[in-house]
Amino acid sequence: MRVAKVDHLTPQPFTILGWVVADIAVVVGQLAQAGVAIKRFAGMDHDELGAWTTPGGDRVAWFTDPDANTLSVTQYG
């Protein structure tokens, strides 16, 4: 991983960093307890946690960092 300081940040509309997790429900619950809001996207069916299930059965939840970068957690099906 490379981290660089920039003078001006333009957040991108796509995931810039994601983590694979064993249990997305646990991780999303921990994020919610920490005050992190899960993003929901129009046209995608999200479950009660805010996770989307891919056609292949993987589950993904998105959220943003304080600089509005999109991050994600994924549980493989």
N, C-alpha and C. Protein backbone atom coordinates (compact mmCIF):
# COMPACT_ATOMS: atom_id res chain seq x y z
N MET A 1 0.85 -1.15 0.00
CA MET A 1 0.00 0.00 0.00
C MET A 1 0.90 1.23 0.00
N ARG A 2 0.50 2.20 -0.74
CA ARG A 2 1.22 3.47 -0.78
C ARG A 2 0.28 4.56 -0.30
N VAL A 3 0.74 5.38 0.61
CA VAL A 3 -0.04 6.49 1.13
C VAL A 3 0.72 7.77 0.82
N ALA A 4 0.02 8.74 0.27
CA ALA A 4 0.66 10.01 -0.09
C ALA A 4 -0.19 11.16 0.40
N LYS A 5 0.46 12.17 0.93
CA LYS A 5 -0.23 13.39 1.34
C LYS A 5 -0.43 14.25 0.09
N VAL A 6 -1.64 14.80 -0.04
CA VAL A 6 -1.94 15.67 -1.17
C VAL A 6 -2.44 17.02 -0.66
N ASP A 7 -2.23 18.05 -1.46
CA ASP A 7 -2.68 19.39 -1.06
C ASP A 7 -4.16 19.59 -1.26
N HIS A 8 -4.74 18.90 -2.26
CA HIS A 8 -6.17 19.03 -2.54
C HIS A 8 -6.74 17.65 -2.83
N LEU A 9 -7.82 17.31 -2.16
CA LEU A 9 -8.43 16.00 -2.32
C LEU A 9 -9.75 16.11 -3.06
N THR A 10 -9.91 15.27 -4.07
CA THR A 10 -11.17 15.15 -4.75
C THR A 10 -11.66 13.72 -4.54
N PRO A 11 -12.63 13.52 -3.62
CA PRO A 11 -13.13 12.16 -3.39
C PRO A 11 -13.70 11.56 -4.67
N GLN A 12 -13.45 10.28 -4.87
CA GLN A 12 -13.92 9.57 -6.05
C GLN A 12 -15.22 8.82 -5.73
N PRO A 13 -16.05 8.56 -6.73
CA PRO A 13 -17.34 7.90 -6.49
C PRO A 13 -17.24 6.37 -6.38
N PHE A 14 -16.04 5.83 -6.42
CA PHE A 14 -15.86 4.38 -6.37
C PHE A 14 -15.06 4.00 -5.12
N THR A 15 -15.06 2.73 -4.80
CA THR A 15 -14.32 2.25 -3.64
C THR A 15 -12.83 2.42 -3.87
N ILE A 16 -12.16 3.09 -2.91
CA ILE A 16 -10.71 3.24 -3.04
C ILE A 16 -9.95 2.28 -2.14
N LEU A 17 -10.65 1.71 -1.15
CA LEU A 17 -10.01 0.75 -0.26
C LEU A 17 -11.10 -0.14 0.32
N GLY A 18 -10.85 -1.44 0.32
CA GLY A 18 -11.83 -2.37 0.85
C GLY A 18 -11.15 -3.48 1.63
N TRP A 19 -11.92 -4.09 2.51
CA TRP A 19 -11.43 -5.19 3.34
C TRP A 19 -12.33 -6.40 3.15
N VAL A 20 -11.73 -7.58 3.15
CA VAL A 20 -12.48 -8.83 3.16
C VAL A 20 -12.69 -9.20 4.62
N VAL A 21 -13.93 -9.50 4.97
CA VAL A 21 -14.26 -9.84 6.36
C VAL A 21 -14.94 -11.20 6.41
N ALA A 22 -14.83 -11.85 7.56
CA ALA A 22 -15.44 -13.18 7.73
C ALA A 22 -16.93 -13.09 7.97
N ASP A 23 -17.37 -12.03 8.66
CA ASP A 23 -18.79 -11.90 9.02
C ASP A 23 -19.19 -10.43 8.87
N ILE A 24 -19.81 -10.12 7.75
CA ILE A 24 -20.14 -8.72 7.46
C ILE A 24 -21.14 -8.15 8.47
N ALA A 25 -22.03 -8.98 8.99
CA ALA A 25 -23.01 -8.50 9.97
C ALA A 25 -22.31 -7.99 11.22
N VAL A 26 -21.31 -8.71 11.69
CA VAL A 26 -20.57 -8.28 12.88
C VAL A 26 -19.83 -6.97 12.60
N VAL A 27 -19.15 -6.90 11.47
CA VAL A 27 -18.36 -5.71 11.14
C VAL A 27 -19.25 -4.49 10.93
N VAL A 28 -20.34 -4.65 10.21
CA VAL A 28 -21.26 -3.52 9.99
C VAL A 28 -21.87 -3.08 11.32
N GLY A 29 -22.17 -4.02 12.19
CA GLY A 29 -22.67 -3.68 13.53
C GLY A 29 -21.65 -2.87 14.32
N GLN A 30 -20.38 -3.26 14.24
CA GLN A 30 -19.33 -2.52 14.93
C GLN A 30 -19.16 -1.13 14.35
N LEU A 31 -19.25 -1.02 13.03
CA LEU A 31 -19.16 0.29 12.39
C LEU A 31 -20.32 1.18 12.84
N ALA A 32 -21.53 0.62 12.88
CA ALA A 32 -22.70 1.39 13.32
C ALA A 32 -22.54 1.85 14.76
N GLN A 33 -22.02 0.98 15.64
CA GLN A 33 -21.81 1.37 17.03
C GLN A 33 -20.79 2.51 17.15
N ALA A 34 -19.87 2.58 16.18
CA ALA A 34 -18.87 3.65 16.17
C ALA A 34 -19.39 4.91 15.49
N GLY A 35 -20.65 4.88 15.03
CA GLY A 35 -21.24 6.06 14.40
C GLY A 35 -21.02 6.17 12.91
N VAL A 36 -20.56 5.09 12.28
CA VAL A 36 -20.31 5.09 10.84
C VAL A 36 -21.60 4.73 10.11
N ALA A 37 -21.98 5.57 9.15
CA ALA A 37 -23.19 5.33 8.36
C ALA A 37 -22.85 4.49 7.14
N ILE A 38 -23.66 3.46 6.89
CA ILE A 38 -23.50 2.62 5.71
C ILE A 38 -24.21 3.30 4.55
N LYS A 39 -23.52 3.39 3.41
CA LYS A 39 -24.09 4.02 2.22
C LYS A 39 -25.03 3.08 1.50
N ARG A 40 -26.08 3.62 0.97
CA ARG A 40 -27.03 2.87 0.14
C ARG A 40 -27.08 3.56 -1.22
N PHE A 41 -27.08 2.74 -2.26
CA PHE A 41 -27.07 3.26 -3.62
C PHE A 41 -28.40 2.97 -4.30
N ALA A 42 -28.92 3.95 -5.01
CA ALA A 42 -30.17 3.79 -5.73
C ALA A 42 -30.04 2.67 -6.75
N GLY A 43 -31.10 1.88 -6.88
CA GLY A 43 -31.12 0.80 -7.85
C GLY A 43 -30.50 -0.50 -7.37
N MET A 44 -30.01 -0.50 -6.13
CA MET A 44 -29.41 -1.71 -5.56
C MET A 44 -30.23 -2.13 -4.35
N ASP A 45 -30.53 -3.42 -4.26
CA ASP A 45 -31.29 -3.93 -3.12
C ASP A 45 -30.35 -4.20 -1.96
N HIS A 46 -30.47 -3.39 -0.92
CA HIS A 46 -29.66 -3.56 0.28
C HIS A 46 -30.50 -4.26 1.35
N ASP A 47 -29.84 -5.07 2.17
CA ASP A 47 -30.56 -5.72 3.26
C ASP A 47 -30.71 -4.76 4.44
N GLU A 48 -31.24 -5.26 5.55
CA GLU A 48 -31.49 -4.40 6.72
C GLU A 48 -30.21 -3.79 7.28
N LEU A 49 -29.06 -4.40 7.04
CA LEU A 49 -27.78 -3.85 7.51
C LEU A 49 -27.24 -2.78 6.57
N GLY A 50 -27.73 -2.78 5.33
CA GLY A 50 -27.21 -1.88 4.32
C GLY A 50 -26.27 -2.58 3.36
N ALA A 51 -26.12 -3.91 3.51
CA ALA A 51 -25.25 -4.67 2.62
C ALA A 51 -26.00 -5.07 1.35
N TRP A 52 -25.28 -5.11 0.25
CA TRP A 52 -25.81 -5.54 -1.03
C TRP A 52 -25.26 -6.93 -1.31
N THR A 53 -26.07 -7.82 -1.84
CA THR A 53 -25.64 -9.16 -2.21
C THR A 53 -25.47 -9.23 -3.71
N THR A 54 -24.28 -9.63 -4.14
CA THR A 54 -23.98 -9.75 -5.57
C THR A 54 -24.70 -10.96 -6.15
N PRO A 55 -24.83 -11.04 -7.46
CA PRO A 55 -25.43 -12.23 -8.07
C PRO A 55 -24.70 -13.52 -7.68
N GLY A 56 -23.41 -13.44 -7.38
CA GLY A 56 -22.63 -14.60 -6.99
C GLY A 56 -22.70 -14.95 -5.52
N GLY A 57 -23.40 -14.12 -4.73
CA GLY A 57 -23.58 -14.41 -3.31
C GLY A 57 -22.65 -13.67 -2.36
N ASP A 58 -21.73 -12.87 -2.88
CA ASP A 58 -20.89 -12.05 -2.01
C ASP A 58 -21.72 -10.91 -1.44
N ARG A 59 -21.37 -10.46 -0.25
CA ARG A 59 -22.10 -9.34 0.37
C ARG A 59 -21.12 -8.17 0.55
N VAL A 60 -21.57 -6.96 0.20
CA VAL A 60 -20.71 -5.78 0.25
C VAL A 60 -21.46 -4.66 0.96
N ALA A 61 -20.74 -3.92 1.80
CA ALA A 61 -21.28 -2.73 2.44
C ALA A 61 -20.27 -1.60 2.26
N TRP A 62 -20.77 -0.42 1.96
CA TRP A 62 -19.91 0.74 1.71
C TRP A 62 -20.12 1.79 2.79
N PHE A 63 -19.08 2.56 3.02
CA PHE A 63 -19.14 3.68 3.95
C PHE A 63 -18.05 4.66 3.54
N THR A 64 -18.03 5.82 4.16
CA THR A 64 -17.02 6.82 3.81
C THR A 64 -16.15 7.15 5.01
N ASP A 65 -14.93 7.57 4.71
CA ASP A 65 -14.03 8.04 5.77
C ASP A 65 -14.29 9.54 5.98
N PRO A 66 -13.63 10.17 6.93
CA PRO A 66 -13.89 11.60 7.20
C PRO A 66 -13.61 12.53 6.01
N ASP A 67 -12.82 12.06 5.03
CA ASP A 67 -12.54 12.87 3.84
C ASP A 67 -13.47 12.55 2.68
N ALA A 68 -14.50 11.74 2.93
CA ALA A 68 -15.52 11.35 1.95
C ALA A 68 -15.04 10.34 0.93
N ASN A 69 -13.92 9.66 1.21
CA ASN A 69 -13.49 8.54 0.36
C ASN A 69 -14.40 7.36 0.61
N THR A 70 -14.75 6.63 -0.45
CA THR A 70 -15.61 5.46 -0.32
C THR A 70 -14.76 4.24 0.03
N LEU A 71 -15.15 3.56 1.10
CA LEU A 71 -14.50 2.35 1.59
C LEU A 71 -15.53 1.24 1.61
N SER A 72 -15.07 -0.01 1.68
CA SER A 72 -16.03 -1.11 1.71
C SER A 72 -15.53 -2.28 2.54
N VAL A 73 -16.47 -3.12 2.92
CA VAL A 73 -16.18 -4.41 3.50
C VAL A 73 -16.94 -5.45 2.67
N THR A 74 -16.30 -6.61 2.44
CA THR A 74 -16.90 -7.66 1.63
C THR A 74 -16.79 -8.99 2.33
N GLN A 75 -17.88 -9.72 2.34
CA GLN A 75 -17.89 -11.11 2.81
C GLN A 75 -18.15 -11.97 1.60
N TYR A 76 -17.19 -12.82 1.27
CA TYR A 76 -17.38 -13.70 0.10
C TYR A 76 -18.39 -14.78 0.41
N GLY A 77 -19.23 -15.08 -0.58
CA GLY A 77 -20.26 -16.08 -0.44
C GLY A 77 -19.66 -17.42 -0.53
